[in-house]
Protein backbone atom coordinates (compact mmCIF):
# COMPACT_ATOMS: atom_id res chain seq x y z
CA MET A 1 10.41 -2.98 -42.36
CA ASN A 2 10.72 0.92 -41.81
CA LEU A 3 12.88 2.66 -39.23
CA CYS A 4 9.83 2.86 -36.83
CA GLY A 5 9.50 -0.86 -36.65
CA LEU A 6 13.15 -1.44 -36.22
CA ALA A 7 13.37 1.00 -33.43
CA TYR A 8 10.30 -0.41 -31.68
CA ARG A 9 11.67 -3.98 -31.79
CA ARG A 10 15.26 -2.85 -30.57
CA GLY A 11 13.60 -1.13 -27.82
CA PHE A 12 11.45 -4.05 -26.89
CA LEU A 13 14.63 -6.25 -26.54
CA ALA A 14 16.40 -3.41 -24.59
CA LEU A 15 13.59 -3.22 -22.11
CA HIS A 16 12.56 -6.86 -21.59
CA HIS A 17 15.61 -8.80 -22.25
CA GLU A 18 18.64 -6.46 -21.50
CA GLN A 19 16.90 -4.68 -18.65
CA ALA A 20 18.29 -1.39 -20.11
CA ALA A 21 15.40 0.99 -19.52
CA ASP A 22 17.13 4.22 -20.51
CA ARG A 23 18.47 2.72 -23.83
CA ALA A 24 15.02 1.30 -24.45
CA ARG A 25 13.41 4.78 -24.07
CA GLN A 26 15.75 6.19 -26.57
CA TYR A 27 14.93 3.46 -29.08
CA PHE A 28 11.11 4.03 -28.48
CA THR A 29 11.40 7.79 -28.79
CA LEU A 30 13.32 7.33 -32.15
CA GLY A 31 10.55 4.98 -33.49
CA GLU A 32 7.74 7.40 -32.36
CA VAL A 33 9.51 10.47 -34.15
CA ALA A 34 10.39 8.42 -37.35
CA GLY A 35 6.93 6.86 -37.64
CA SER A 36 5.23 10.15 -37.10
CA ALA A 37 7.37 11.75 -39.85
CA LEU A 38 6.63 9.05 -42.22
CA ARG A 39 2.83 9.18 -41.78
CA GLN A 40 2.93 12.80 -42.04
CA ALA A 41 4.71 12.50 -45.37
CA LEU A 42 2.29 9.93 -46.65
CA ARG A 43 -0.70 12.04 -45.44
CA SER A 44 0.63 14.98 -47.49
CA ILE A 45 0.06 13.01 -50.65
CA GLY A 46 -3.40 11.61 -49.46
CA ALA A 47 -2.16 8.24 -48.02
CA ASP A 48 -1.38 6.66 -44.64
CA ASP A 49 0.04 3.30 -43.33
CA GLY A 50 -2.00 1.45 -40.69
CA GLU A 51 1.05 -0.78 -39.58
CA THR A 52 3.09 2.36 -38.91
CA GLU A 53 0.11 3.94 -36.88
CA HIS A 54 0.12 0.92 -34.78
CA LEU A 55 3.98 0.90 -34.34
CA VAL A 56 3.91 4.53 -33.39
CA ASP A 57 1.33 3.82 -30.78
CA CYS A 58 3.48 0.90 -29.47
CA CYS A 59 6.56 3.22 -29.30
CA ARG A 60 4.62 5.79 -27.39
CA LEU A 61 3.63 3.28 -24.88
CA GLY A 62 6.95 1.88 -24.61
CA VAL A 63 8.37 5.30 -23.70
CA LEU A 64 6.11 5.04 -20.49
CA GLU A 65 6.96 1.57 -19.88
CA ALA A 66 10.72 2.36 -19.93
CA ALA A 67 10.41 5.51 -17.75
CA VAL A 68 8.58 3.50 -15.15
CA ALA A 69 11.12 0.69 -15.27
CA ALA A 70 13.81 3.42 -14.81
CA HIS A 71 11.85 4.94 -11.94
CA ASP A 72 12.19 8.33 -13.79
CA LEU A 73 9.44 10.48 -12.10
CA THR A 74 10.07 13.38 -14.27
CA GLU A 75 9.74 11.49 -17.41
CA VAL A 76 6.64 9.62 -16.23
CA SER A 77 5.04 12.91 -15.23
CA ALA A 78 5.89 14.60 -18.60
CA TRP A 79 4.49 11.45 -20.50
CA LEU A 80 1.23 11.62 -18.46
CA SER A 81 1.02 15.27 -19.10
CA ARG A 82 1.19 14.99 -22.93
CA VAL A 83 -1.33 12.02 -22.88
CA THR A 84 -3.80 14.28 -21.02
CA ALA A 85 -3.22 17.09 -23.22
CA GLU A 86 -3.30 15.46 -26.64
CA LEU A 87 -6.36 14.09 -28.12
CA GLY A 88 -5.73 10.50 -29.78
CA HIS A 89 -7.90 8.20 -31.45
CA ASP A 90 -10.21 6.18 -29.24
CA GLY A 91 -8.18 2.83 -29.52
CA TRP A 92 -5.02 4.70 -28.48
CA GLN A 93 -6.74 6.04 -25.45
CA VAL A 94 -7.99 2.66 -24.49
CA GLN A 95 -4.36 1.16 -24.78
CA ALA A 96 -2.82 4.16 -22.77
CA ASN A 97 -5.32 3.51 -19.97
CA ARG A 98 -4.64 -0.11 -19.92
CA LEU A 99 -0.82 0.52 -19.62
CA ILE A 100 -1.16 3.17 -17.09
CA ALA A 101 -3.42 0.83 -14.92
CA ARG A 102 -0.98 -2.09 -15.42
CA CYS A 103 2.11 0.14 -14.34
CA PHE A 104 0.05 1.38 -11.45
CA THR A 105 -0.90 -2.22 -10.51
CA ASP A 106 2.63 -3.36 -10.64
CA GLN A 107 4.03 -0.33 -8.49
CA VAL A 108 1.43 -0.89 -5.90
CA LEU A 109 2.08 -4.52 -5.67
CA ALA A 110 5.84 -3.73 -5.36
CA GLY A 111 5.22 -1.27 -2.55
CA ASP A 112 6.14 1.69 -4.69
CA HIS A 113 3.62 4.30 -3.88
CA GLU A 114 5.64 7.26 -5.20
CA LEU A 115 5.09 6.10 -8.85
CA ALA A 116 1.69 4.94 -8.15
CA ASP A 117 0.74 8.63 -6.96
CA LEU A 118 1.71 9.92 -10.33
CA LEU A 119 0.04 7.03 -12.32
CA ILE A 120 -3.33 7.19 -10.60
CA THR A 121 -3.67 10.95 -11.58
CA ALA A 122 -4.24 9.84 -15.21
CA LEU A 123 -6.57 7.09 -14.46
CA PRO A 124 -10.30 7.88 -14.88
CA ALA A 125 -11.94 8.40 -11.38
CA THR A 126 -14.02 5.23 -11.02
CA THR A 127 -15.47 2.91 -8.46
CA PRO A 128 -15.81 -0.83 -9.00
CA LEU A 129 -19.47 -0.33 -9.99
CA ASP A 130 -18.34 1.92 -12.71
CA LEU A 131 -16.27 -0.69 -14.52
CA PRO A 132 -17.56 -3.47 -16.66
CA VAL A 133 -17.47 -6.89 -15.44
CA SER A 134 -14.44 -8.46 -17.09
CA ALA A 135 -12.79 -11.81 -17.03
CA GLU A 136 -9.42 -10.35 -18.02
CA TRP A 137 -6.63 -11.12 -15.54
CA ASP A 138 -5.50 -7.58 -15.43
CA ALA A 139 -8.94 -6.61 -13.95
CA GLY A 140 -8.55 -8.68 -10.87
CA CYS A 141 -4.95 -7.41 -10.48
CA PHE A 142 -5.93 -3.85 -10.83
CA PHE A 143 -8.83 -4.13 -8.43
CA LEU A 144 -6.53 -5.57 -5.78
CA ALA A 145 -3.89 -2.72 -6.27
CA ARG A 146 -6.69 -0.16 -6.10
CA GLY A 147 -7.90 -1.60 -2.85
CA LEU A 148 -4.42 -1.77 -1.37
CA TYR A 149 -3.69 1.67 -2.36
CA ALA A 150 -7.02 2.91 -0.86
CA LEU A 151 -6.31 1.13 2.44
CA ASN A 152 -2.58 1.81 2.96
CA HIS A 153 -2.10 5.13 1.20
CA GLU A 154 -5.49 6.90 1.18
CA SER A 155 -6.63 5.65 4.46
CA ASP A 156 -9.92 4.80 2.88
CA ALA A 157 -10.95 1.32 4.43
CA VAL A 158 -14.64 1.83 3.27
CA GLY A 159 -13.37 2.35 -0.34
CA ALA A 160 -10.81 -0.40 -0.15
CA LEU A 161 -13.49 -2.77 0.83
CA GLY A 162 -15.33 -2.19 -2.36
CA TRP A 163 -12.25 -2.59 -4.57
CA LEU A 164 -11.18 -5.65 -2.67
CA ALA A 165 -14.45 -7.38 -2.80
CA ALA A 166 -14.46 -6.87 -6.77
CA ALA A 167 -10.94 -8.32 -6.74
CA HIS A 168 -11.98 -11.26 -4.60
CA GLU A 169 -14.72 -12.35 -7.19
CA GLN A 170 -12.20 -11.92 -10.16
CA LEU A 171 -9.27 -13.72 -8.35
CA GLN A 172 -11.35 -16.55 -7.15
CA ALA A 173 -12.59 -17.28 -10.60
CA ARG A 174 -8.99 -17.49 -11.77
CA VAL A 175 -7.96 -19.64 -8.87
CA ALA A 176 -10.68 -22.14 -10.08
CA GLU A 177 -9.17 -22.18 -13.49
CA GLY A 178 -5.94 -23.17 -11.99
CA ASP A 179 -4.13 -19.71 -12.33
CA GLU A 180 -1.08 -19.97 -10.10
CA ARG A 181 -0.41 -16.15 -9.92
CA ALA A 182 -3.92 -15.73 -8.95
CA SER A 183 -3.35 -18.25 -6.13
CA GLU A 184 -0.28 -16.36 -5.06
CA LEU A 185 -2.11 -13.11 -4.65
CA LEU A 186 -5.18 -14.48 -3.05
CA PRO A 187 -3.63 -14.50 0.54
CA THR A 188 -2.67 -10.98 0.18
CA LEU A 189 -6.19 -10.06 -0.78
CA LEU A 190 -7.62 -12.01 2.22
CA VAL A 191 -5.20 -10.19 4.64
CA ALA A 192 -6.11 -6.72 2.93
CA GLN A 193 -9.83 -7.46 3.28
CA LEU A 194 -9.39 -8.34 7.14
CA TYR A 195 -7.39 -5.16 7.73
CA ALA A 196 -9.93 -2.94 5.91
CA GLN A 197 -12.56 -4.68 7.96
CA ALA A 198 -10.82 -3.94 11.22
CA SER A 199 -10.81 -0.12 10.32
CA ALA A 200 -14.49 -0.01 8.72
CA ALA A 201 -16.31 -2.97 10.03
CA PRO A 202 -14.86 -3.97 13.36
CA ALA A 203 -17.54 -6.58 14.23
CA VAL A 204 -17.03 -8.26 10.94
CA ALA A 205 -13.33 -8.55 11.43
CA LEU A 206 -13.83 -10.41 14.57
CA LEU A 207 -15.72 -12.95 12.71
CA ASN A 208 -13.09 -13.33 10.11
CA PRO A 209 -11.38 -16.92 10.39
CA LEU A 210 -7.94 -15.22 10.11
CA THR A 211 -8.47 -13.31 13.36
CA HIS A 212 -9.60 -16.49 15.24
CA PRO A 213 -7.76 -19.48 13.73
CA ALA A 214 -8.92 -22.95 15.17
CA ASP A 215 -5.86 -23.48 17.01
CA ALA A 216 -4.73 -19.84 18.20
CA GLN A 217 -2.31 -21.37 20.61
CA ASN A 218 -0.18 -22.93 17.89
CA SER A 219 -0.52 -20.04 15.49
CA THR A 220 2.40 -19.35 12.94
CA PRO A 221 4.51 -16.16 13.33
CA GLU A 222 2.67 -14.85 10.24
CA GLN A 223 -0.83 -15.41 11.78
CA MET A 224 0.27 -13.95 15.00
CA ALA A 225 1.59 -10.86 13.11
CA ILE A 226 -1.72 -10.64 11.39
CA ARG A 227 -3.78 -10.82 14.60
CA ALA A 228 -1.58 -8.13 16.25
CA GLU A 229 -1.95 -5.90 13.11
CA VAL A 230 -5.80 -6.37 13.35
CA PHE A 231 -5.68 -5.57 17.05
CA GLN A 232 -3.87 -2.22 16.43
CA ARG A 233 -6.28 -1.16 13.67
CA LEU A 234 -9.15 -1.95 15.91
CA VAL A 235 -7.76 0.30 18.58
CA HIS A 236 -6.95 3.08 16.15
CA ALA A 237 -10.38 2.86 14.85
CA GLY A 238 -11.84 3.46 18.39
CA ALA A 239 -13.22 -0.09 18.51
CA TYR A 240 -12.02 -0.77 21.87
CA ARG A 241 -14.57 -3.46 22.92
CA GLU A 242 -13.59 -5.44 19.78
CA ALA A 243 -9.94 -4.90 20.38
CA GLU A 244 -10.25 -6.12 23.95
CA GLN A 245 -11.27 -9.51 22.75
CA LEU A 246 -8.04 -9.95 21.06
CA GLU A 247 -6.01 -8.27 23.86
CA SER A 248 -5.31 -11.40 25.87
CA LEU A 249 -4.22 -13.28 22.84
CA VAL A 250 -1.62 -10.57 22.01
CA LEU A 251 -0.25 -10.42 25.58
CA ASP A 252 0.03 -14.15 25.80
CA GLN A 253 2.17 -14.11 22.62
CA ILE A 254 4.28 -11.21 23.82
CA ALA A 255 4.73 -13.02 27.19
CA THR A 256 6.03 -16.25 25.66
CA SER A 257 8.19 -14.31 23.16
CA SER A 258 6.15 -15.67 20.24
CA LEU A 259 5.34 -12.05 19.17
CA GLU A 260 7.82 -9.33 19.03
CA LEU A 261 6.89 -6.27 21.06
CA THR A 262 7.27 -3.35 18.77
CA ALA A 263 6.98 0.42 19.70
CA ASN A 264 3.77 0.64 17.91
CA LEU A 265 2.23 -2.37 19.51
CA ALA A 266 3.16 -1.05 22.88
CA PHE A 267 1.76 2.43 22.11
CA THR A 268 -1.53 0.70 20.99
CA LEU A 269 -1.61 -1.29 24.23
CA ALA A 270 -1.25 1.87 26.15
CA ILE A 271 -4.08 3.61 24.24
CA LEU A 272 -6.38 0.73 24.97
CA ALA A 273 -5.56 0.62 28.72
CA LEU A 274 -5.97 4.49 28.97
CA ASN A 275 -9.07 4.87 26.93
CA LEU A 276 -10.99 1.67 27.67
CA ARG A 277 -10.26 0.90 31.34
CA ALA A 278 -8.70 4.39 32.60
CA ASP A 279 -5.90 2.37 33.70
CA HIS A 280 -3.21 4.95 33.98
CA THR A 281 -0.73 2.79 35.63
CA ALA A 282 -0.80 0.20 32.88
CA ALA A 283 -0.86 3.09 30.19
CA HIS A 284 2.20 4.67 31.78
CA SER A 285 4.15 1.36 31.64
CA TRP A 286 3.22 0.74 27.80
CA PHE A 287 3.97 4.31 26.99
CA PHE A 288 7.27 4.07 28.61
CA LEU A 289 8.09 0.88 26.77
CA ALA A 290 7.04 2.59 23.50
CA SER A 291 9.39 5.51 24.04
CA GLN A 292 12.16 3.12 24.69
CA LEU A 293 11.57 0.84 21.67
CA ALA A 294 10.88 3.56 19.05
CA PRO A 295 13.95 5.03 17.45
CA THR A 296 15.70 7.76 19.42
CA GLY A 297 14.31 11.28 18.47
CA SER A 298 11.28 9.85 16.42
CA ASP A 299 7.92 11.37 16.52
CA LEU A 300 6.75 8.21 18.20
CA SER A 301 9.48 8.25 20.82
CA LEU A 302 8.65 11.70 21.63
CA HIS A 303 4.95 11.37 21.68
CA ALA A 304 5.10 8.16 23.85
CA SER A 305 7.50 9.88 26.26
CA GLN A 306 5.13 12.74 26.74
CA LEU A 307 2.24 10.54 27.48
CA ALA A 308 4.38 8.42 29.79
CA ASP A 309 4.93 11.57 31.78
CA GLN A 310 1.28 12.65 31.79
CA THR A 311 0.16 9.09 32.96
CA ALA A 312 2.85 8.69 35.51
CA PRO A 313 1.43 7.94 39.13
CA GLU A 314 1.84 10.89 41.49
CA LEU A 315 4.68 10.33 43.83
CA PRO A 316 3.94 10.81 47.60
CA THR A 317 5.24 13.92 49.17
CA PRO A 318 8.54 13.12 50.93
CA PHE A 319 8.88 13.76 54.77
CA PRO A 320 10.66 16.80 55.49
CA ARG A 321 14.24 16.05 56.48
CA SER A 322 15.85 18.17 59.30
CA SER A 323 19.00 19.92 58.15
CA PRO A 324 22.31 19.48 59.96
CA ASP A 325 21.71 22.80 61.79
CA SER A 326 18.28 22.02 62.87
CA ARG A 327 18.98 19.74 65.80
CA PRO A 328 17.69 20.74 69.22
CA PRO A 329 20.23 22.46 71.38
CA ILE A 330 21.96 20.23 74.03
CA THR A 331 21.06 21.22 77.44
């Protein structure tokens, strides 16, 4: 075994068993440099080493994996720039794209859009229809991550529906095979589809079983939170008539303290009252509550306060009061 192989294996242990990402990256970098030097020496005499070529590729991939684990944005960006600029063999490019997609998936599912923003720039611009049908587990996970990213970060509900539909097909097949991880991710997928429908296909969202469970009055806190989020997305999409069908359920749950009244929810209720029914009195009350519930000085607090002032009922003009010196003279 040459130095490249030793460095790769040591880097693998550091990354996956010792959780030492920075040290792992040093080993992977050493392996890439050593293996590349060995191959260059061999090529100078008309030879090469296929195993070392494979190990160099593994080390190069390991550098990215370690940089992502360390949340090193600078190193991730530099690595992606090198991959984009350098022309590698076809097998290497496939491996690189798969790793980038896997890292992107992990970051989105973990809620880290900062790294995902970098990683997606190196992925080919595709839609689900551009990709081959694959039974690979990574495909379903990537479709889910891509759909969540489109929905929550790109505000592209229509695009999200396409990705999530592809993910649904893949994950359901895995669930049927008994895959536990797929079973864990399926509820996340179903909720994401509902949220995308609320923004892009409101009428479909109202038919979704998650919106109207069989026993709405005995909903779990999670179900109530989902319904409240759908209500807010419907209002923000301008689907006021559809949102109105959920309003009474949301208000009942607030009244019984089953659902927490947040600043965003109060603001949404105010928008519905104002834009659907032109009810300035109700809108004023909700805007005022939103301004009180939002963090002091936040954009939401300031905006809600301004709208509360604009929707405040006009006070009657007070009767003029006599001044102490205006009494009629005593005769």
